[in-house]
Amino acid sequence: MKRVLLIFLMGLWALTLLGAGEGITITKKMGIVILPGKVGQGWNMDEVDHLIAILEEKALELGRFRVYPREDLKKILEEQKLAMAGITDENVISLSKIAGAQYALLLTLTHLDAQYSEDYDGYTATARMSIKLYDVGNGELLAAERFERQTFFPADTYDEAINEVINYLADDILVTLREFFKLEARVAATRGNRVYLVGLDPKLVRKGYIFEVENEFGETGYLKVIGYDRKRGYVIAEHMYGVFPEIGASVKEYPTYPYKGALGVGTYQGAVSFGVSGWGTVEGLPFDLFVNAGVFLAQFGEYVPFYGTLGLRFPMLTFGRIQMALLGGLSVVGIVNVETEESLHAFGLGVGVSGEYQFTPKSGLYIEILQHSFPNPISVISPSFFNVTVGISLSL
């Protein structure tokens, strides 16, 4: 039961978002170097290299950076008689200029550790670090952010837990970089609900990216990229909702991510349930992955019930800010003795629908209705029941 509750609370914590202020706008690839500064408790150069390698790989996948390889940087450092770790604020600019980069990312790694817990039968891994982002051209400090990850892993070894928390830390940093280096374009033409964007290298843009437009009254609208006209250099988007852009208007990227989550309160057999739902895009496929889990604020004798569903989500209809989807998958319902932690569970099927009213592409009101059916139910659990959840959705 303790493990279930811990994982559940971790899911709630994961709904928090990172931001990096207004940031700067870009229309073409920018050169960047990633350099390690001070290395603190628990970090060693193998782990530092692992983090930087992940960051470089993810930055290349993002498509808006030219990343200068570490091997080239090591040669420069050797010429300057400097170590790969421990680069200071004073020499990061000169090193980046020699490499030919436009921006420099300096990492200060302060803490890395994993502690085994017999109660949870796994490791709680903790990583702390900070980054400084510099404009190499004028030496200006553009951003400074701190990061901390503390996550439980049902891992077999210390090294597995350390590698996992480093992977998560790299994801957090890349989210912040995308928030800071936002794409910018200009509206060249409109036709019906379609908007044609220019002034931006189409190679930097992927289908599904969202752009935001703001009029002189501060009202906003949102556009979603649906394709490209390579011959004319257009990025083709469709208007989602809000203000419709005028020709010549500037639009900026509104970073969203392929995963969303909802935190809500529901009902179950007259009792209140508290849970989370999450779904994520599967590129190239007409469906999303879907998962939900929760506990009930009720007891049957000495037992507390819980539920979960793992399956697929099929987007169906979109009406402006309203999006509807079909849900289906494998369900589990169970009861846990709060004293002995003895548990019983049953498997079945869950099918239903979901609806979301978006305030913005990152947040909205969410409702989910699932019917669960269990051919071999537990004695205190109904063989078939509805669970209705209403809550807030957030982009992850």
Protein backbone atom coordinates (compact mmCIF):
# COMPACT_ATOMS: atom_id res chain seq x y z
CA MET A 1 0.00 0.00 0.00
CA LYS A 2 2.86 2.40 0.82
CA ARG A 3 4.36 1.85 -2.63
CA VAL A 4 0.99 2.47 -4.32
CA LEU A 5 0.52 5.72 -2.41
CA LEU A 6 4.09 6.88 -3.14
CA ILE A 7 3.78 6.25 -6.88
CA PHE A 8 0.39 7.96 -6.84
CA LEU A 9 1.83 11.08 -5.15
CA MET A 10 4.71 11.08 -7.65
CA GLY A 11 2.15 11.19 -10.44
CA LEU A 12 0.53 14.26 -8.90
CA TRP A 13 3.90 15.97 -8.57
CA ALA A 14 4.65 15.24 -12.24
CA LEU A 15 1.81 17.55 -13.28
CA THR A 16 3.89 20.62 -12.42
CA LEU A 17 5.28 22.62 -15.38
CA LEU A 18 8.59 24.32 -16.03
CA GLY A 19 8.81 27.73 -17.62
CA ALA A 20 11.60 30.00 -18.74
CA GLY A 21 9.93 33.37 -19.04
CA GLU A 22 9.47 35.20 -22.33
CA GLY A 23 12.68 33.84 -23.84
CA ILE A 24 14.02 34.73 -27.28
CA THR A 25 12.65 33.92 -30.70
CA ILE A 26 14.52 32.11 -33.47
CA THR A 27 13.85 31.46 -37.14
CA LYS A 28 16.82 29.21 -37.97
CA LYS A 29 19.20 26.80 -36.27
CA MET A 30 21.37 28.27 -33.52
CA GLY A 31 24.80 26.99 -32.46
CA ILE A 32 25.12 25.91 -28.83
CA VAL A 33 27.79 24.34 -26.62
CA ILE A 34 27.05 22.44 -23.42
CA LEU A 35 29.82 22.68 -20.82
CA PRO A 36 30.18 21.29 -17.29
CA GLY A 37 31.00 23.76 -14.53
CA LYS A 38 31.45 22.79 -10.89
CA VAL A 39 30.87 19.16 -9.97
CA GLY A 40 29.51 18.55 -6.49
CA GLN A 41 28.57 15.73 -4.15
CA GLY A 42 27.85 12.37 -5.75
CA TRP A 43 28.65 13.39 -9.33
CA ASN A 44 31.62 11.92 -11.17
CA MET A 45 32.82 12.54 -14.71
CA ASP A 46 31.18 9.39 -16.07
CA GLU A 47 27.79 10.63 -14.90
CA VAL A 48 28.52 14.17 -16.11
CA ASP A 49 29.43 12.79 -19.56
CA HIS A 50 26.25 10.70 -19.52
CA LEU A 51 24.08 13.77 -18.80
CA ILE A 52 25.80 15.90 -21.45
CA ALA A 53 25.54 13.10 -24.04
CA ILE A 54 21.78 12.84 -23.40
CA LEU A 55 21.38 16.62 -23.62
CA GLU A 56 23.29 16.75 -26.90
CA GLU A 57 21.21 13.93 -28.36
CA LYS A 58 17.92 15.50 -27.30
CA ALA A 59 18.99 18.95 -28.50
CA LEU A 60 19.76 17.48 -31.93
CA GLU A 61 16.40 15.68 -31.98
CA LEU A 62 14.67 18.98 -31.22
CA GLY A 63 16.12 20.24 -34.50
CA ARG A 64 16.70 23.90 -33.63
CA PHE A 65 20.31 23.67 -32.44
CA ARG A 66 23.68 22.95 -33.98
CA VAL A 67 25.44 21.17 -31.14
CA TYR A 68 29.22 21.24 -31.02
CA PRO A 69 30.57 17.76 -30.10
CA ARG A 70 32.38 17.19 -26.80
CA GLU A 71 35.41 15.77 -28.61
CA ASP A 72 35.96 19.11 -30.33
CA LEU A 73 35.49 20.92 -27.03
CA LYS A 74 37.98 18.63 -25.29
CA LYS A 75 40.61 19.52 -27.89
CA ILE A 76 39.97 23.22 -27.31
CA LEU A 77 40.17 22.71 -23.55
CA GLU A 78 43.47 20.86 -23.89
CA GLU A 79 44.86 23.74 -25.94
CA GLN A 80 43.69 26.17 -23.25
CA LYS A 81 45.06 23.86 -20.51
CA LEU A 82 41.64 23.56 -18.84
CA ALA A 83 39.84 20.54 -17.45
CA MET A 84 36.51 19.40 -18.87
CA ALA A 85 34.89 19.82 -15.45
CA GLY A 86 35.15 23.03 -13.47
CA ILE A 87 34.78 25.59 -16.28
CA THR A 88 34.02 29.00 -14.76
CA ASP A 89 31.72 31.82 -15.82
CA GLU A 90 34.78 33.85 -16.82
CA ASN A 91 36.12 31.46 -19.46
CA VAL A 92 32.89 29.91 -20.77
CA ILE A 93 32.38 32.79 -23.25
CA SER A 94 35.88 32.66 -24.72
CA LEU A 95 35.74 28.87 -25.10
CA SER A 96 32.36 29.08 -26.83
CA LYS A 97 33.62 31.75 -29.21
CA ILE A 98 36.55 29.53 -30.19
CA ALA A 99 34.08 26.71 -30.88
CA GLY A 100 31.99 29.06 -33.05
CA ALA A 101 28.77 28.76 -31.02
CA GLN A 102 26.18 31.49 -30.51
CA TYR A 103 24.98 30.29 -27.12
CA ALA A 104 26.62 28.47 -24.22
CA LEU A 105 24.94 26.32 -21.60
CA LEU A 106 26.98 25.97 -18.39
CA LEU A 107 25.97 23.18 -16.00
CA THR A 108 26.67 23.30 -12.27
CA LEU A 109 26.04 19.87 -10.78
CA THR A 110 25.53 20.06 -7.03
CA HIS A 111 24.09 16.76 -5.76
CA LEU A 112 23.43 13.21 -6.98
CA ASP A 113 22.43 10.30 -4.78
CA ALA A 114 20.17 7.25 -4.51
CA GLN A 115 19.01 5.67 -1.26
CA TYR A 116 17.54 2.18 -0.97
CA SER A 117 14.38 1.73 1.07
CA GLU A 118 13.31 -1.70 2.30
CA ASP A 119 9.80 -0.35 2.98
CA TYR A 120 9.31 0.53 -0.69
CA ASP A 121 11.69 -2.09 -2.13
CA GLY A 122 13.41 0.39 -4.40
CA TYR A 123 15.56 3.50 -4.64
CA THR A 124 14.72 7.14 -4.11
CA ALA A 125 17.13 8.99 -6.41
CA THR A 126 17.87 12.71 -6.05
CA ALA A 127 19.62 15.00 -8.52
CA ARG A 128 20.20 18.74 -8.17
CA MET A 129 21.85 21.12 -10.57
CA SER A 130 21.61 24.58 -12.09
CA ILE A 131 22.20 25.97 -15.57
CA LYS A 132 23.32 29.32 -16.90
CA LEU A 133 22.59 30.27 -20.50
CA TYR A 134 24.85 32.86 -22.13
CA ASP A 135 24.72 34.86 -25.35
CA VAL A 136 28.25 34.30 -26.63
CA GLY A 137 28.17 37.40 -28.84
CA ASN A 138 27.87 39.94 -26.02
CA GLY A 139 28.50 37.79 -22.94
CA GLU A 140 25.02 38.46 -21.55
CA LEU A 141 23.57 36.01 -19.04
CA LEU A 142 20.19 35.18 -20.58
CA ALA A 143 18.79 32.74 -18.03
CA ALA A 144 19.64 30.94 -14.83
CA GLU A 145 17.51 28.01 -13.70
CA ARG A 146 17.72 25.47 -10.89
CA PHE A 147 16.57 21.88 -11.27
CA GLU A 148 15.84 19.19 -8.75
CA ARG A 149 14.52 15.68 -9.33
CA GLN A 150 13.62 13.30 -6.53
CA THR A 151 11.98 10.18 -7.84
CA PHE A 152 11.28 6.66 -6.66
CA PHE A 153 12.36 3.76 -8.88
CA PRO A 154 11.58 0.08 -8.26
CA ALA A 155 15.09 -0.54 -9.58
CA ASP A 156 17.40 -3.47 -8.97
CA THR A 157 20.62 -1.52 -8.60
CA TYR A 158 21.94 1.87 -7.51
CA ASP A 159 23.35 2.54 -11.01
CA GLU A 160 19.94 1.97 -12.64
CA ALA A 161 18.32 4.49 -10.31
CA ILE A 162 21.08 7.05 -10.96
CA ASN A 163 20.79 6.64 -14.75
CA GLU A 164 17.01 7.04 -14.60
CA VAL A 165 17.08 10.25 -12.56
CA ILE A 166 19.73 11.69 -14.92
CA ASN A 167 17.45 10.92 -17.90
CA TYR A 168 14.57 12.74 -16.22
CA LEU A 169 16.83 15.68 -15.39
CA ALA A 170 17.87 15.96 -19.04
CA ASP A 171 14.20 16.02 -20.08
CA ASP A 172 13.54 18.87 -17.64
CA ILE A 173 16.40 20.90 -19.09
CA LEU A 174 15.26 20.35 -22.68
CA VAL A 175 11.73 21.45 -21.76
CA THR A 176 13.17 24.70 -20.42
CA LEU A 177 15.34 25.22 -23.51
CA ARG A 178 12.35 24.80 -25.78
CA GLU A 179 10.43 27.30 -23.65
CA PHE A 180 13.29 29.75 -23.95
CA PHE A 181 14.22 29.36 -27.63
CA LYS A 182 10.81 29.79 -29.21
CA LEU A 183 10.21 29.66 -32.95
CA GLU A 184 8.81 32.75 -34.65
CA ALA A 185 7.08 33.21 -38.02
CA ARG A 186 4.94 35.68 -39.96
CA VAL A 187 1.50 35.22 -41.49
CA ALA A 188 1.83 35.37 -45.29
CA ALA A 189 -1.73 34.41 -46.28
CA THR A 190 -4.95 32.87 -45.03
CA ARG A 191 -7.53 30.70 -46.74
CA GLY A 192 -10.61 29.72 -44.78
CA ASN A 193 -9.37 28.18 -41.55
CA ARG A 194 -5.83 27.71 -42.89
CA VAL A 195 -2.94 30.04 -42.15
CA TYR A 196 0.29 30.11 -44.19
CA LEU A 197 3.46 31.04 -42.28
CA VAL A 198 6.78 32.30 -43.68
CA GLY A 199 10.05 33.67 -42.32
CA LEU A 200 10.88 30.40 -40.57
CA ASP A 201 12.94 27.45 -41.76
CA PRO A 202 10.29 24.70 -42.23
CA LYS A 203 12.86 22.09 -41.18
CA LEU A 204 12.60 23.40 -37.60
CA VAL A 205 8.86 22.83 -37.41
CA ARG A 206 7.01 19.57 -36.83
CA LYS A 207 3.39 18.71 -37.39
CA GLY A 208 1.42 19.34 -34.23
CA TYR A 209 3.49 22.35 -33.11
CA ILE A 210 1.29 25.20 -31.87
CA PHE A 211 1.82 28.92 -32.45
CA GLU A 212 0.27 31.79 -30.53
CA VAL A 213 -0.89 35.10 -31.97
CA GLU A 214 -1.83 38.19 -29.97
CA ASN A 215 -3.73 41.23 -31.22
CA GLU A 216 -3.42 44.86 -30.12
CA PHE A 217 -6.03 44.31 -27.39
CA GLY A 218 -4.07 41.49 -25.77
CA GLU A 219 -6.44 38.78 -27.02
CA THR A 220 -4.79 35.53 -28.06
CA GLY A 221 -5.41 32.82 -30.63
CA TYR A 222 -3.77 29.51 -31.42
CA LEU A 223 -2.64 27.82 -34.64
CA LYS A 224 -1.68 24.16 -35.12
CA VAL A 225 0.83 23.08 -37.77
CA ILE A 226 -0.68 20.51 -40.16
CA GLY A 227 1.80 20.45 -43.07
CA TYR A 228 4.30 22.21 -45.32
CA ASP A 229 4.58 23.72 -48.78
CA ARG A 230 8.27 23.09 -49.45
CA LYS A 231 8.21 24.70 -52.89
CA ARG A 232 6.97 28.06 -51.56
CA GLY A 233 8.58 27.75 -48.14
CA TYR A 234 5.27 27.85 -46.29
CA VAL A 235 4.45 26.24 -42.98
CA ILE A 236 0.74 25.39 -43.13
CA ALA A 237 -1.30 25.72 -39.95
CA GLU A 238 -4.96 25.64 -39.05
CA HIS A 239 -6.69 28.03 -36.68
CA MET A 240 -7.70 26.26 -33.48
CA TYR A 241 -9.59 28.91 -31.49
CA GLY A 242 -9.26 32.45 -30.18
CA VAL A 243 -8.19 35.46 -32.27
CA PHE A 244 -7.74 34.83 -36.00
CA PRO A 245 -4.39 36.29 -37.21
CA GLU A 246 -4.16 39.10 -39.72
CA ILE A 247 -1.82 38.93 -42.71
CA GLY A 248 1.62 40.18 -41.67
CA ALA A 249 1.05 39.34 -38.00
CA SER A 250 3.90 37.80 -36.02
CA VAL A 251 3.25 34.43 -34.36
CA LYS A 252 5.38 32.74 -31.71
CA GLU A 253 5.69 29.11 -30.77
CA TYR A 254 3.52 28.03 -27.86
CA PRO A 255 5.46 24.96 -26.65
CA THR A 256 3.30 22.00 -25.81
CA TYR A 257 4.39 18.43 -25.36
CA PRO A 258 3.05 15.06 -26.51
CA TYR A 259 1.76 14.19 -23.04
CA LYS A 260 -1.10 15.56 -21.00
CA GLY A 261 -2.38 14.68 -17.59
CA ALA A 262 -5.52 15.34 -15.59
CA LEU A 263 -5.94 15.47 -11.87
CA GLY A 264 -9.50 14.98 -10.70
CA VAL A 265 -12.12 13.87 -8.23
CA GLY A 266 -14.62 11.16 -9.18
CA THR A 267 -17.28 8.86 -7.80
CA TYR A 268 -17.42 5.14 -7.17
CA GLN A 269 -20.36 3.23 -5.68
CA GLY A 270 -21.39 6.33 -3.75
CA ALA A 271 -17.83 7.03 -2.55
CA VAL A 272 -15.44 9.76 -3.71
CA SER A 273 -12.32 8.75 -5.65
CA PHE A 274 -9.16 10.79 -6.20
CA GLY A 275 -6.93 10.01 -9.16
CA VAL A 276 -4.85 10.98 -12.15
CA SER A 277 -5.21 10.29 -15.86
CA GLY A 278 -2.56 10.67 -18.53
CA TRP A 279 -2.34 10.28 -22.29
CA GLY A 280 0.36 10.73 -24.87
CA THR A 281 0.66 10.93 -28.63
CA VAL A 282 1.97 7.96 -30.60
CA GLU A 283 3.61 9.53 -33.65
CA GLY A 284 2.19 8.26 -36.93
CA LEU A 285 -0.69 6.36 -35.30
CA PRO A 286 -4.35 7.43 -34.99
CA PHE A 287 -4.49 6.85 -31.24
CA ASP A 288 -2.82 7.86 -27.97
CA LEU A 289 -1.66 5.76 -25.07
CA PHE A 290 -3.89 6.19 -22.02
CA VAL A 291 -3.52 5.41 -18.31
CA ASN A 292 -5.39 6.31 -15.16
CA ALA A 293 -5.10 5.35 -11.51
CA GLY A 294 -6.69 6.34 -8.26
CA VAL A 295 -7.78 5.49 -4.76
CA PHE A 296 -11.18 5.74 -3.09
CA LEU A 297 -11.82 7.77 0.02
CA ALA A 298 -13.83 4.96 1.56
CA GLN A 299 -13.34 1.65 3.35
CA PHE A 300 -15.04 -1.74 3.13
CA GLY A 301 -14.34 -3.05 6.59
CA GLU A 302 -10.56 -2.81 6.88
CA TYR A 303 -10.04 -2.54 3.12
CA VAL A 304 -9.45 0.52 0.92
CA PRO A 305 -10.28 0.12 -2.81
CA PHE A 306 -8.13 1.34 -5.70
CA TYR A 307 -8.41 1.17 -9.51
CA GLY A 308 -6.41 1.61 -12.70
CA THR A 309 -6.75 1.37 -16.47
CA LEU A 310 -4.08 0.99 -19.17
CA GLY A 311 -5.16 1.25 -22.78
CA LEU A 312 -5.70 3.45 -25.83
CA ARG A 313 -7.30 6.82 -26.44
CA PHE A 314 -8.86 7.59 -29.84
CA PRO A 315 -9.37 11.31 -30.58
CA MET A 316 -12.77 11.65 -32.26
CA LEU A 317 -14.26 15.13 -32.52
CA THR A 318 -12.97 18.68 -32.11
CA PHE A 319 -15.24 21.72 -31.80
CA GLY A 320 -13.04 24.75 -31.20
CA ARG A 321 -11.94 24.47 -27.58
CA ILE A 322 -13.80 21.18 -27.01
CA GLN A 323 -12.11 17.85 -27.77
CA MET A 324 -13.75 14.42 -27.44
CA ALA A 325 -12.14 10.97 -27.38
CA LEU A 326 -12.98 7.28 -26.93
CA LEU A 327 -11.14 5.29 -24.24
CA GLY A 328 -10.57 1.58 -23.84
CA GLY A 329 -8.21 -0.82 -22.15
CA LEU A 330 -7.39 -3.32 -19.43
CA SER A 331 -8.73 -2.37 -15.99
CA VAL A 332 -7.80 -3.52 -12.53
CA VAL A 333 -9.69 -2.98 -9.30
CA GLY A 334 -8.45 -4.04 -5.92
CA ILE A 335 -8.65 -3.67 -2.18
CA VAL A 336 -5.81 -3.25 0.29
CA ASN A 337 -5.93 -3.99 4.01
CA VAL A 338 -4.65 -0.80 5.66
CA GLU A 339 -3.28 -2.76 8.62
CA THR A 340 -1.63 -5.82 7.06
CA GLU A 341 -1.15 -4.46 3.48
CA GLU A 342 -2.77 -7.68 2.20
CA SER A 343 -4.38 -7.03 -1.18
CA LEU A 344 -6.89 -8.64 -3.52
CA HIS A 345 -7.51 -7.59 -7.10
CA ALA A 346 -9.43 -8.46 -10.25
CA PHE A 347 -8.83 -7.70 -13.94
CA GLY A 348 -11.40 -6.67 -16.51
CA LEU A 349 -12.13 -4.19 -19.28
CA GLY A 350 -12.68 -0.45 -19.15
CA VAL A 351 -14.39 1.53 -21.93
CA GLY A 352 -15.64 5.08 -21.99
CA VAL A 353 -15.33 8.62 -23.27
CA SER A 354 -13.47 11.77 -22.31
CA GLY A 355 -14.01 15.43 -23.03
CA GLU A 356 -11.78 18.45 -22.54
CA TYR A 357 -12.59 22.16 -22.69
CA GLN A 358 -9.28 23.93 -23.30
CA PHE A 359 -8.56 27.30 -21.70
CA THR A 360 -5.27 27.14 -23.61
CA PRO A 361 -3.57 24.22 -25.38
CA LYS A 362 -1.79 23.54 -22.06
CA SER A 363 -4.72 23.53 -19.65
CA GLY A 364 -8.43 22.96 -19.46
CA LEU A 365 -11.39 21.31 -17.77
CA TYR A 366 -11.48 17.54 -18.14
CA ILE A 367 -14.23 14.93 -17.72
CA GLU A 368 -13.82 11.18 -18.06
CA ILE A 369 -16.50 8.48 -17.89
CA LEU A 370 -15.35 4.87 -17.73
CA GLN A 371 -17.39 1.71 -17.33
CA HIS A 372 -15.42 -1.12 -15.75
CA SER A 373 -16.53 -4.75 -16.14
CA PHE A 374 -14.96 -7.64 -14.23
CA PRO A 375 -15.85 -11.28 -15.08
CA ASN A 376 -14.41 -12.50 -11.75
CA PRO A 377 -14.93 -9.63 -9.32
CA ILE A 378 -13.85 -9.38 -5.70
CA SER A 379 -16.73 -10.05 -3.33
CA VAL A 380 -17.04 -6.46 -2.08
CA ILE A 381 -16.63 -4.90 -5.56
CA SER A 382 -19.47 -4.69 -8.08
CA PRO A 383 -18.90 -6.76 -11.27
CA SER A 384 -19.66 -3.64 -13.32
CA PHE A 385 -19.54 0.03 -12.35
CA PHE A 386 -19.06 3.54 -13.73
CA ASN A 387 -16.34 5.88 -12.56
CA VAL A 388 -16.82 9.56 -13.44
CA THR A 389 -13.86 11.89 -12.98
CA VAL A 390 -13.92 15.67 -13.30
CA GLY A 391 -10.77 17.75 -12.94
CA ILE A 392 -8.08 19.96 -14.45
CA SER A 393 -5.89 18.92 -17.40
CA LEU A 394 -2.32 20.11 -17.86
CA SER A 395 0.36 19.68 -20.50
CA LEU A 396 3.29 17.59 -19.21
